[in-house]
Amino acid sequence: MRIPLGAWTPDQGRLGADGLLDMRNAIPAKGQWLSQRGLLAATEQTITAPIQGIWATHRLSGDYEVAVAFGGNIYLVGSRSGALIDVTTDTQYAYDGTARWHGIQFGELDIRTNGVDPIQARDLSAGGSYDPLADDAPIARYIAQVRDFPVVAYTTDELDGTDAYRVAWPGFTEGLVDPTNWTTGQSDFQRINDIGQISGITGGWFGSIVCESGVSVMQFGGAATFAFEVKERRVGCRAPNLINEYRGLTVFPSPEAGWCAFDGAAVRQIGVERIDRWFADDFDESYADQSWTGIDSKRGHMLWAYCGKGHSGRPNRLLRYSVALDQWAVADVAMDALGRGKTFGLTLDDPFFDNLDDFLGNLDDPALWSSLPDLLAVDGSRLCSFAGDVLTARFETGEFQLGSDEARAMVRRALVLANGGRHSLELGAREQFAGAMTWTAPMFPQSDGYFRFRVPGRSHSARISLSGAWSSAQGLDLFAESLGKR
């Protein structure tokens, strides 16, 4: 009997489950699972937690720049080992330790806001430091680009103070949108009053405003006006650092409906009876402000780093959602921050190679030799890429019956359908559904790749562990014979 390693759906019942009840440290792909790598230091500079942001900008020359914010300053990471370049304005930022720098690249400007300090901007053509965007621009907690406009939300200004329900955008100068034009009468705003405080905003062809108890959409109406429409009530998000967006799809966890996706028209539940109960049990809500979001652009996957069971005050889970496959995955990876960046190409003269016996990376990974856009994390006071050792994966199947017509069965042999690495297998068996599952000790294959044993039972489950340099896994072949119904 062939047992495929299907989608990870821990909320489903054990008996007859067509997916995996448990899964760790693997990446979903069409018809298979791929290996998840751990973190590997990408630079040598010291970065001290708490981190307020990691991001990359694309200069008009085609070069990528990586910025990291911590300790009240913003720094550029100019090279793998050179000193960090301080691009802070004249004085340190009065940052909130739990806040994030959110930003957009608007033409030649990199615009950043953290909800505490004035909106900052850096000229990517001229270089230099970040400076206040405009004297009359509001302080804002969130920012996104909607059509041609930089749009901010959850604002503070001298006239109205802090307004957690306001969305605002600048006006025109000489017929063009001017991100520095916040003059009263030329800039504009809208209050969204009836679905709670704003938790985040995402942009694109339309704007998605996720609030504590609902979602609104903003559509461009011409002449610097926007039309707002509440698309969902009750279903919102109260964990701002968990709101993620990829190609017009905004995904977030809701206390009312579990994991949800908003496409501009309606909210769709994407975790119900799949991972919602598992996540609610694992997620430490009291540490929600330590969460981070990211995009694995190589695969088109959305990522969340958060504090799960057993954490030490910093994220220890990496949750993954494949939009194309509509599948979830989770890895045990501890970090201090997650964000967009790039790799810094190595040469063989680099001190990273002083002792190849201690080198943990994959020498065949092109990201080691070239400067490429990539997802970065901070761990151990270093910027890291996901180019480290392959993590040990585990998969637990549902419960299945191998005997014909509900008969008992003796399982005698198995073959793990995986490429590379080292395989181990545990087989569970029980006689009655109300009884406890009895598991074997971990077993290992013989020289021909097969596991051999004798495990009788009326129903069985399997746990597979893959370690070392494994690359892909698809399923498990079990060979059994019926024993009768008693």
Protein backbone atom coordinates (compact mmCIF):
# COMPACT_ATOMS: atom_id res chain seq x y z
CA MET A 1 0.00 0.00 0.00
CA ARG A 2 1.37 3.43 -0.92
CA ILE A 3 0.84 6.19 1.62
CA PRO A 4 1.51 9.60 0.01
CA LEU A 5 2.86 12.44 2.11
CA GLY A 6 -0.03 14.78 1.44
CA ALA A 7 -0.81 18.26 2.72
CA TRP A 8 -0.18 19.16 6.35
CA THR A 9 -3.60 19.42 8.03
CA PRO A 10 -3.11 18.93 11.79
CA ASP A 11 -6.73 19.84 12.61
CA GLN A 12 -8.20 16.79 10.85
CA GLY A 13 -9.20 13.58 12.58
CA ARG A 14 -6.65 10.78 12.77
CA LEU A 15 -8.65 7.90 11.30
CA GLY A 16 -8.66 7.92 7.52
CA ALA A 17 -6.86 11.25 7.29
CA ASP A 18 -5.66 11.92 3.77
CA GLY A 19 -2.97 14.37 4.88
CA LEU A 20 -0.27 14.70 7.49
CA LEU A 21 -1.15 15.10 11.16
CA ASP A 22 2.32 16.38 11.96
CA MET A 23 5.03 17.90 9.80
CA ARG A 24 8.17 19.88 10.57
CA ASN A 25 10.99 21.45 8.61
CA ALA A 26 9.95 20.84 5.01
CA ILE A 27 8.65 22.96 2.13
CA PRO A 28 5.50 22.02 0.17
CA ALA A 29 5.81 21.45 -3.57
CA LYS A 30 3.58 19.80 -6.18
CA GLY A 31 3.23 16.14 -5.16
CA GLN A 32 6.21 16.20 -2.81
CA TRP A 33 8.02 17.90 0.06
CA LEU A 34 11.37 19.66 -0.32
CA SER A 35 14.07 20.22 2.28
CA GLN A 36 14.12 23.33 4.48
CA ARG A 37 17.52 24.83 5.21
CA GLY A 38 18.46 26.54 8.44
CA LEU A 39 20.20 29.87 8.93
CA LEU A 40 23.77 30.67 7.92
CA ALA A 41 25.54 33.93 8.77
CA ALA A 42 25.61 36.15 5.66
CA THR A 43 27.61 39.06 7.12
CA GLU A 44 30.01 39.69 9.97
CA GLN A 45 28.60 42.92 11.44
CA THR A 46 27.08 42.85 14.93
CA ILE A 47 23.34 43.63 15.00
CA THR A 48 21.78 44.01 18.42
CA ALA A 49 18.19 43.05 19.23
CA PRO A 50 15.54 44.34 19.38
CA ILE A 51 15.40 44.85 15.62
CA GLN A 52 12.87 47.29 14.13
CA GLY A 53 13.24 46.34 10.49
CA ILE A 54 15.17 44.67 7.66
CA TRP A 55 14.50 45.81 4.10
CA ALA A 56 16.07 46.18 0.67
CA THR A 57 15.82 48.99 -1.85
CA HIS A 58 16.46 48.85 -5.58
CA ARG A 59 18.54 51.80 -6.73
CA LEU A 60 18.06 53.19 -10.23
CA SER A 61 21.53 51.87 -11.12
CA GLY A 62 20.13 48.36 -10.60
CA ASP A 63 21.97 47.78 -7.32
CA TYR A 64 20.23 46.44 -4.24
CA GLU A 65 20.90 48.02 -0.86
CA VAL A 66 20.11 46.34 2.44
CA ALA A 67 19.08 48.36 5.50
CA VAL A 68 18.62 47.22 9.07
CA ALA A 69 17.15 49.28 11.91
CA PHE A 70 18.02 48.74 15.55
CA GLY A 71 18.90 50.77 18.63
CA GLY A 72 17.27 53.95 17.33
CA ASN A 73 19.31 54.05 14.12
CA ILE A 74 19.06 52.89 10.51
CA TYR A 75 22.15 51.35 8.94
CA LEU A 76 23.07 50.25 5.44
CA VAL A 77 24.85 46.93 5.09
CA GLY A 78 27.34 47.85 2.40
CA SER A 79 29.34 44.64 2.30
CA ARG A 80 29.80 41.28 3.97
CA SER A 81 32.40 42.47 6.46
CA GLY A 82 32.68 46.28 6.26
CA ALA A 83 31.35 48.58 8.98
CA LEU A 84 27.64 49.35 9.01
CA ILE A 85 26.86 52.73 7.42
CA ASP A 86 24.74 54.93 9.68
CA VAL A 87 22.07 56.69 7.60
CA THR A 88 20.05 57.98 10.53
CA THR A 89 18.77 61.54 10.53
CA ASP A 90 20.53 64.08 12.78
CA THR A 91 19.18 62.56 16.00
CA GLN A 92 18.31 59.01 17.03
CA TYR A 93 14.77 57.88 16.47
CA ALA A 94 12.49 57.70 19.50
CA TYR A 95 11.38 54.30 18.37
CA ASP A 96 8.96 51.96 20.11
CA GLY A 97 10.84 48.72 20.77
CA THR A 98 7.88 46.62 19.58
CA ALA A 99 7.11 48.72 16.48
CA ARG A 100 8.24 48.02 12.94
CA TRP A 101 9.55 50.28 10.22
CA HIS A 102 7.11 49.92 7.32
CA GLY A 103 7.97 51.38 3.96
CA ILE A 104 7.67 51.69 0.21
CA GLN A 105 9.98 52.69 -2.60
CA PHE A 106 8.39 55.64 -4.38
CA GLY A 107 10.45 56.55 -7.44
CA GLU A 108 13.81 57.75 -6.13
CA LEU A 109 12.61 57.90 -2.53
CA ASP A 110 12.68 55.16 0.05
CA ILE A 111 9.92 56.17 2.47
CA ARG A 112 9.79 54.63 5.97
CA THR A 113 7.48 55.10 8.93
CA ASN A 114 7.34 53.57 12.41
CA GLY A 115 4.35 55.21 14.09
CA VAL A 116 6.51 57.15 16.56
CA ASP A 117 8.88 59.37 14.55
CA PRO A 118 8.15 61.64 11.58
CA ILE A 119 7.92 59.80 8.26
CA GLN A 120 11.47 59.40 6.91
CA ALA A 121 12.71 59.41 3.32
CA ARG A 122 16.05 58.74 1.68
CA ASP A 123 17.00 59.80 -1.84
CA LEU A 124 18.22 56.61 -3.52
CA SER A 125 19.85 58.56 -6.34
CA ALA A 126 21.82 61.05 -4.26
CA GLY A 127 22.38 58.76 -1.29
CA GLY A 128 22.87 60.28 2.13
CA SER A 129 20.75 59.82 5.21
CA TYR A 130 17.07 59.41 5.97
CA ASP A 131 15.40 62.73 6.74
CA PRO A 132 11.83 63.81 7.56
CA LEU A 133 9.64 63.50 4.47
CA ALA A 134 7.87 66.85 4.96
CA ASP A 135 7.23 69.25 7.84
CA ASP A 136 3.46 68.87 7.56
CA ALA A 137 3.38 65.12 6.91
CA PRO A 138 1.65 63.16 9.69
CA ILE A 139 3.36 60.57 11.84
CA ALA A 140 1.97 57.23 10.71
CA ARG A 141 2.14 53.65 11.89
CA TYR A 142 1.53 51.97 8.49
CA ILE A 143 2.22 52.77 4.84
CA ALA A 144 1.51 51.17 1.46
CA GLN A 145 1.47 52.28 -2.15
CA VAL A 146 -2.03 52.26 -3.64
CA ARG A 147 -1.98 52.91 -7.36
CA ASP A 148 0.30 55.99 -7.66
CA PHE A 149 -0.15 57.22 -4.09
CA PRO A 150 1.80 56.61 -0.89
CA VAL A 151 -1.02 55.97 1.60
CA VAL A 152 -0.51 56.04 5.37
CA ALA A 153 -2.74 54.83 8.19
CA TYR A 154 -3.10 55.17 11.97
CA THR A 155 -1.84 58.75 11.95
CA THR A 156 -0.79 61.43 14.42
CA ASP A 157 -0.70 65.18 13.65
CA GLU A 158 -0.72 68.46 15.57
CA LEU A 159 -4.35 69.25 14.78
CA ASP A 160 -6.14 65.97 15.52
CA GLY A 161 -3.62 64.06 17.61
CA THR A 162 -3.48 60.30 17.22
CA ASP A 163 -6.25 58.81 15.08
CA ALA A 164 -6.25 55.01 14.88
CA TYR A 165 -9.05 55.09 12.27
CA ARG A 166 -7.56 57.46 9.69
CA VAL A 167 -6.16 56.72 6.23
CA ALA A 168 -4.38 59.65 4.53
CA TRP A 169 -2.58 60.44 1.27
CA PRO A 170 -0.71 63.44 -0.24
CA GLY A 171 -1.71 65.76 -3.05
CA PHE A 172 -0.35 66.73 -6.48
CA THR A 173 2.41 69.08 -7.54
CA GLU A 174 2.46 70.13 -11.20
CA GLY A 175 0.01 67.37 -12.05
CA LEU A 176 2.00 64.55 -10.44
CA VAL A 177 1.53 62.80 -7.12
CA ASP A 178 3.93 64.45 -4.68
CA PRO A 179 4.73 62.40 -1.55
CA THR A 180 5.98 65.59 0.14
CA ASN A 181 2.78 67.60 -0.46
CA TRP A 182 0.74 67.27 2.72
CA THR A 183 -0.67 70.79 2.56
CA THR A 184 -4.18 71.05 3.98
CA GLY A 185 -6.66 71.22 1.13
CA GLN A 186 -4.38 69.36 -1.25
CA SER A 187 -3.77 66.18 0.72
CA ASP A 188 -6.79 64.19 1.87
CA PHE A 189 -7.90 61.55 4.37
CA GLN A 190 -10.72 59.15 5.23
CA ARG A 191 -11.82 57.80 8.61
CA ILE A 192 -13.01 54.21 8.87
CA ASN A 193 -15.05 54.29 12.05
CA ASP A 194 -17.05 51.10 12.37
CA ILE A 195 -14.67 48.11 12.19
CA GLY A 196 -12.16 48.93 14.92
CA GLN A 197 -8.68 50.39 14.94
CA ILE A 198 -6.53 49.94 11.85
CA SER A 199 -4.10 47.03 12.19
CA GLY A 200 -2.39 47.34 8.82
CA ILE A 201 -2.66 48.40 5.19
CA THR A 202 -1.51 46.69 2.00
CA GLY A 203 -1.43 48.16 -1.48
CA GLY A 204 -1.29 47.59 -5.21
CA TRP A 205 -4.10 48.23 -7.70
CA PHE A 206 -6.34 48.69 -4.66
CA GLY A 207 -5.71 49.22 -0.95
CA SER A 208 -6.71 46.71 1.73
CA ILE A 209 -7.22 48.21 5.19
CA VAL A 210 -7.27 45.47 7.80
CA CYS A 211 -8.83 46.59 11.06
CA GLU A 212 -9.41 44.85 14.38
CA SER A 213 -12.90 43.70 13.47
CA GLY A 214 -13.26 44.08 9.72
CA VAL A 215 -11.67 44.78 6.34
CA SER A 216 -12.20 47.75 4.02
CA VAL A 217 -11.04 48.29 0.46
CA MET A 218 -10.03 51.62 -1.11
CA GLN A 219 -10.35 52.08 -4.87
CA PHE A 220 -8.97 55.04 -6.84
CA GLY A 221 -11.74 57.28 -8.13
CA GLY A 222 -9.72 59.87 -10.05
CA ALA A 223 -8.70 63.43 -9.14
CA ALA A 224 -6.90 62.26 -5.99
CA THR A 225 -10.07 60.74 -4.54
CA PHE A 226 -10.64 57.24 -3.26
CA ALA A 227 -13.83 55.28 -2.69
CA PHE A 228 -13.91 53.19 0.50
CA GLU A 229 -16.12 50.17 1.08
CA VAL A 230 -16.23 47.83 4.06
CA LYS A 231 -16.07 44.31 2.65
CA GLU A 232 -16.10 42.32 5.87
CA ARG A 233 -17.34 42.96 9.40
CA ARG A 234 -16.26 41.05 12.52
CA VAL A 235 -13.44 39.26 10.68
CA GLY A 236 -10.31 41.34 11.26
CA CYS A 237 -6.85 41.10 12.80
CA ARG A 238 -5.55 42.19 16.21
CA ALA A 239 -1.92 41.19 15.61
CA PRO A 240 -0.55 43.86 13.22
CA ASN A 241 2.85 42.21 12.80
CA LEU A 242 1.18 39.12 11.30
CA ILE A 243 -0.50 40.87 8.34
CA ASN A 244 1.22 39.77 5.11
CA GLU A 245 0.66 40.53 1.43
CA TYR A 246 1.70 38.85 -1.81
CA ARG A 247 0.53 39.81 -5.30
CA GLY A 248 -2.69 41.46 -4.17
CA LEU A 249 -3.59 38.81 -1.61
CA THR A 250 -3.58 39.96 2.03
CA VAL A 251 -3.37 37.15 4.59
CA PHE A 252 -3.81 37.42 8.36
CA PRO A 253 -5.06 35.47 11.39
CA SER A 254 -8.44 36.52 12.76
CA PRO A 255 -9.71 35.74 16.26
CA GLU A 256 -13.15 35.24 14.72
CA ALA A 257 -12.36 33.09 11.69
CA GLY A 258 -8.80 31.77 11.88
CA TRP A 259 -6.42 32.34 8.99
CA CYS A 260 -8.02 34.45 6.26
CA ALA A 261 -7.11 35.79 2.82
CA PHE A 262 -8.55 38.99 1.33
CA ASP A 263 -8.35 39.53 -2.44
CA GLY A 264 -10.07 42.92 -2.63
CA ALA A 265 -13.54 41.43 -3.03
CA ALA A 266 -14.11 39.09 -0.09
CA VAL A 267 -12.43 37.38 2.84
CA ARG A 268 -11.82 33.65 2.41
CA GLN A 269 -10.97 31.26 5.24
CA ILE A 270 -7.79 29.35 4.35
CA GLY A 271 -7.01 27.62 7.63
CA VAL A 272 -10.38 26.26 8.75
CA GLU A 273 -10.23 22.54 9.64
CA ARG A 274 -6.63 22.60 8.49
CA ILE A 275 -4.31 24.57 10.82
CA ASP A 276 -6.51 27.03 12.74
CA ARG A 277 -6.85 25.02 15.95
CA TRP A 278 -3.21 23.96 15.81
CA PHE A 279 -2.05 27.57 15.40
CA ALA A 280 -4.31 28.89 18.18
CA ASP A 281 -2.81 26.30 20.52
CA ASP A 282 0.80 26.96 19.46
CA PHE A 283 0.81 30.78 19.12
CA ASP A 284 1.75 32.78 22.23
CA GLU A 285 -0.50 35.80 21.82
CA SER A 286 1.24 37.71 24.61
CA TYR A 287 4.32 37.84 22.35
CA ALA A 288 2.42 38.78 19.18
CA ASP A 289 4.43 42.00 18.79
CA GLN A 290 7.59 39.90 18.32
CA SER A 291 6.20 38.44 15.08
CA TRP A 292 7.57 39.11 11.59
CA THR A 293 6.39 38.55 8.03
CA GLY A 294 8.32 37.82 4.86
CA ILE A 295 8.04 36.52 1.30
CA ASP A 296 10.00 33.64 -0.18
CA SER A 297 10.00 35.20 -3.64
CA LYS A 298 11.82 32.23 -5.20
CA ARG A 299 8.77 30.06 -4.51
CA GLY A 300 5.97 32.59 -4.09
CA HIS A 301 5.41 31.58 -0.46
CA MET A 302 4.25 33.81 2.39
CA LEU A 303 6.13 33.48 5.69
CA TRP A 304 5.48 34.31 9.34
CA ALA A 305 8.01 34.09 12.17
CA TYR A 306 6.33 33.98 15.59
CA CYS A 307 6.70 32.80 19.18
CA GLY A 308 5.30 29.28 19.53
CA LYS A 309 5.40 26.74 22.32
CA GLY A 310 8.78 26.51 24.01
CA HIS A 311 10.00 29.92 22.82
CA SER A 312 12.53 31.97 24.79
CA GLY A 313 11.03 35.39 24.11
CA ARG A 314 11.87 35.47 20.41
CA PRO A 315 10.31 33.74 17.39
CA ASN A 316 10.96 30.01 17.15
CA ARG A 317 8.47 29.05 14.41
CA LEU A 318 8.51 29.77 10.69
CA LEU A 319 5.01 29.29 9.25
CA ARG A 320 4.75 29.02 5.47
CA TYR A 321 1.79 29.31 3.08
CA SER A 322 2.00 28.46 -0.61
CA VAL A 323 -0.55 30.61 -2.42
CA ALA A 324 -0.39 28.54 -5.62
CA LEU A 325 -0.75 25.17 -3.87
CA ASP A 326 -2.99 26.43 -1.04
CA GLN A 327 -0.82 24.46 1.39
CA TRP A 328 0.78 25.17 4.76
CA ALA A 329 4.05 24.13 6.36
CA VAL A 330 5.99 24.93 9.54
CA ALA A 331 9.66 24.83 10.51
CA ASP A 332 11.42 25.16 13.86
CA VAL A 333 13.77 28.07 13.18
CA ALA A 334 14.69 30.56 15.92
CA MET A 335 15.48 34.16 14.97
CA ASP A 336 15.21 37.77 16.13
CA ALA A 337 13.90 39.29 12.90
CA LEU A 338 12.88 38.49 9.32
CA GLY A 339 12.90 40.68 6.24
CA ARG A 340 13.78 41.33 2.62
CA GLY A 341 17.43 41.66 1.67
CA LYS A 342 20.12 40.21 -0.56
CA THR A 343 23.07 37.89 -0.33
CA PHE A 344 26.68 39.08 -0.39
CA GLY A 345 28.85 37.06 -2.76
CA LEU A 346 31.69 35.00 -1.30
CA THR A 347 35.14 34.38 -2.69
CA LEU A 348 37.42 31.53 -1.69
CA ASP A 349 39.63 34.09 0.07
CA ASP A 350 36.80 34.97 2.41
CA PRO A 351 37.45 34.13 6.09
CA PHE A 352 34.25 32.07 6.01
CA PHE A 353 36.38 29.38 4.36
CA ASP A 354 39.31 29.45 6.80
CA ASN A 355 38.13 26.08 8.08
CA LEU A 356 35.96 24.21 5.61
CA ASP A 357 35.30 21.53 8.22
CA ASP A 358 33.29 24.11 10.17
CA PHE A 359 31.47 25.55 7.17
CA LEU A 360 27.75 24.74 7.41
CA GLY A 361 26.53 26.03 4.07
CA ASN A 362 25.85 24.42 0.72
CA LEU A 363 28.76 25.20 -1.64
CA ASP A 364 26.47 24.53 -4.62
CA ASP A 365 24.06 27.30 -3.58
CA PRO A 366 24.40 30.17 -6.12
CA ALA A 367 23.35 32.62 -3.41
CA LEU A 368 26.77 32.09 -1.78
CA TRP A 369 28.66 33.31 -4.83
CA SER A 370 26.45 36.13 -6.13
CA SER A 371 24.62 39.13 -4.71
CA LEU A 372 21.00 38.15 -5.23
CA PRO A 373 17.70 39.33 -3.73
CA ASP A 374 16.94 37.00 -0.86
CA LEU A 375 15.11 36.57 2.40
CA LEU A 376 17.23 37.46 5.45
CA ALA A 377 16.91 36.92 9.17
CA VAL A 378 18.82 38.07 12.24
CA ASP A 379 20.14 35.38 14.55
CA GLY A 380 23.10 35.38 16.91
CA SER A 381 23.62 39.14 16.25
CA ARG A 382 24.27 38.40 12.57
CA LEU A 383 22.37 38.85 9.35
CA CYS A 384 21.67 35.35 8.07
CA SER A 385 20.34 33.73 4.93
CA PHE A 386 18.50 30.42 4.66
CA ALA A 387 21.55 28.65 3.23
CA GLY A 388 22.60 26.60 6.25
CA ASP A 389 22.31 22.90 6.97
CA VAL A 390 19.27 20.98 5.80
CA LEU A 391 16.96 20.69 8.80
CA THR A 392 15.79 17.31 10.04
CA ALA A 393 12.23 16.82 8.83
CA ARG A 394 9.49 14.69 10.30
CA PHE A 395 6.16 13.54 8.91
CA GLU A 396 3.34 11.73 10.68
CA THR A 397 0.60 10.17 8.62
CA GLY A 398 -3.00 9.65 9.58
CA GLU A 399 -4.32 6.27 10.71
CA PHE A 400 -5.06 3.70 8.02
CA GLN A 401 -6.20 0.06 7.80
CA LEU A 402 -4.13 -2.35 5.72
CA GLY A 403 -6.19 -5.52 6.19
CA SER A 404 -9.01 -6.37 3.82
CA ASP A 405 -12.61 -5.92 5.05
CA GLU A 406 -11.52 -4.44 8.42
CA ALA A 407 -9.24 -7.41 9.11
CA ARG A 408 -6.12 -7.15 11.22
CA ALA A 409 -2.84 -6.91 9.32
CA MET A 410 0.81 -7.74 9.85
CA VAL A 411 3.11 -5.10 8.40
CA ARG A 412 6.41 -6.71 7.47
CA ARG A 413 8.26 -4.29 5.23
CA ALA A 414 8.42 -0.61 4.27
CA LEU A 415 10.20 1.71 1.86
CA VAL A 416 10.47 5.48 2.40
CA LEU A 417 10.08 7.28 -0.92
CA ALA A 418 12.65 10.03 -0.36
CA ASN A 419 15.83 11.16 -2.04
CA GLY A 420 19.09 11.59 -0.17
CA GLY A 421 19.90 11.84 3.50
CA ARG A 422 19.22 9.32 6.25
CA HIS A 423 15.77 7.84 6.86
CA SER A 424 14.20 6.47 10.01
CA LEU A 425 10.72 5.09 10.57
CA GLU A 426 8.41 4.53 13.52
CA LEU A 427 5.27 2.46 13.02
CA GLY A 428 2.25 2.79 15.27
CA ALA A 429 -0.47 0.16 15.71
CA ARG A 430 -3.62 -0.37 17.75
CA GLU A 431 -6.48 -2.85 17.94
CA GLN A 432 -9.35 -0.54 18.91
CA PHE A 433 -9.98 3.07 18.03
CA ALA A 434 -10.50 3.92 21.72
CA GLY A 435 -7.21 2.27 22.65
CA ALA A 436 -3.78 3.88 22.75
CA MET A 437 -1.50 3.79 19.75
CA THR A 438 1.64 1.73 20.41
CA TRP A 439 4.74 2.94 18.59
CA THR A 440 7.89 1.06 17.72
CA ALA A 441 11.30 2.48 18.47
CA PRO A 442 12.91 4.31 15.51
CA MET A 443 13.92 1.79 12.85
CA PHE A 444 16.51 2.17 10.10
CA PRO A 445 16.68 0.68 6.60
CA GLN A 446 18.82 -2.24 5.59
CA SER A 447 21.40 -2.07 2.82
CA ASP A 448 18.73 -2.45 0.10
CA GLY A 449 16.79 0.55 1.45
CA TYR A 450 13.90 -1.48 2.92
CA PHE A 451 12.79 -1.51 6.55
CA ARG A 452 11.98 -5.01 7.85
CA PHE A 453 9.93 -5.74 10.96
CA ARG A 454 6.72 -7.39 12.20
CA VAL A 455 4.04 -5.02 13.49
CA PRO A 456 0.50 -6.47 13.82
CA GLY A 457 -2.62 -4.37 14.36
CA ARG A 458 -6.07 -3.46 13.14
CA SER A 459 -4.91 0.04 12.14
CA HIS A 460 -1.51 1.69 11.70
CA SER A 461 0.20 5.06 11.50
CA ALA A 462 3.72 6.00 10.45
CA ARG A 463 6.29 8.58 11.49
CA ILE A 464 9.12 9.35 9.10
CA SER A 465 12.28 11.28 9.97
CA LEU A 466 14.66 12.58 7.29
CA SER A 467 18.05 13.95 8.30
CA GLY A 468 21.26 14.91 6.55
CA ALA A 469 21.26 16.15 2.97
CA TRP A 470 17.82 14.91 1.97
CA SER A 471 16.27 16.74 -0.98
CA SER A 472 12.71 15.51 -1.53
CA ALA A 473 10.11 13.13 -0.10
CA GLN A 474 6.87 11.80 -1.55
CA GLY A 475 5.51 8.91 0.46
CA LEU A 476 5.84 5.51 2.08
CA ASP A 477 5.28 2.02 0.67
CA LEU A 478 4.02 -0.52 3.23
CA PHE A 479 3.86 -4.26 2.61
CA ALA A 480 1.37 -6.17 4.79
CA GLU A 481 -0.76 -9.32 4.92
CA SER A 482 -4.22 -9.81 6.42
CA LEU A 483 -4.45 -11.77 9.69
CA GLY A 484 -8.24 -12.12 10.09
CA LYS A 485 -10.76 -10.13 12.05
CA ARG A 486 -9.88 -11.42 15.53
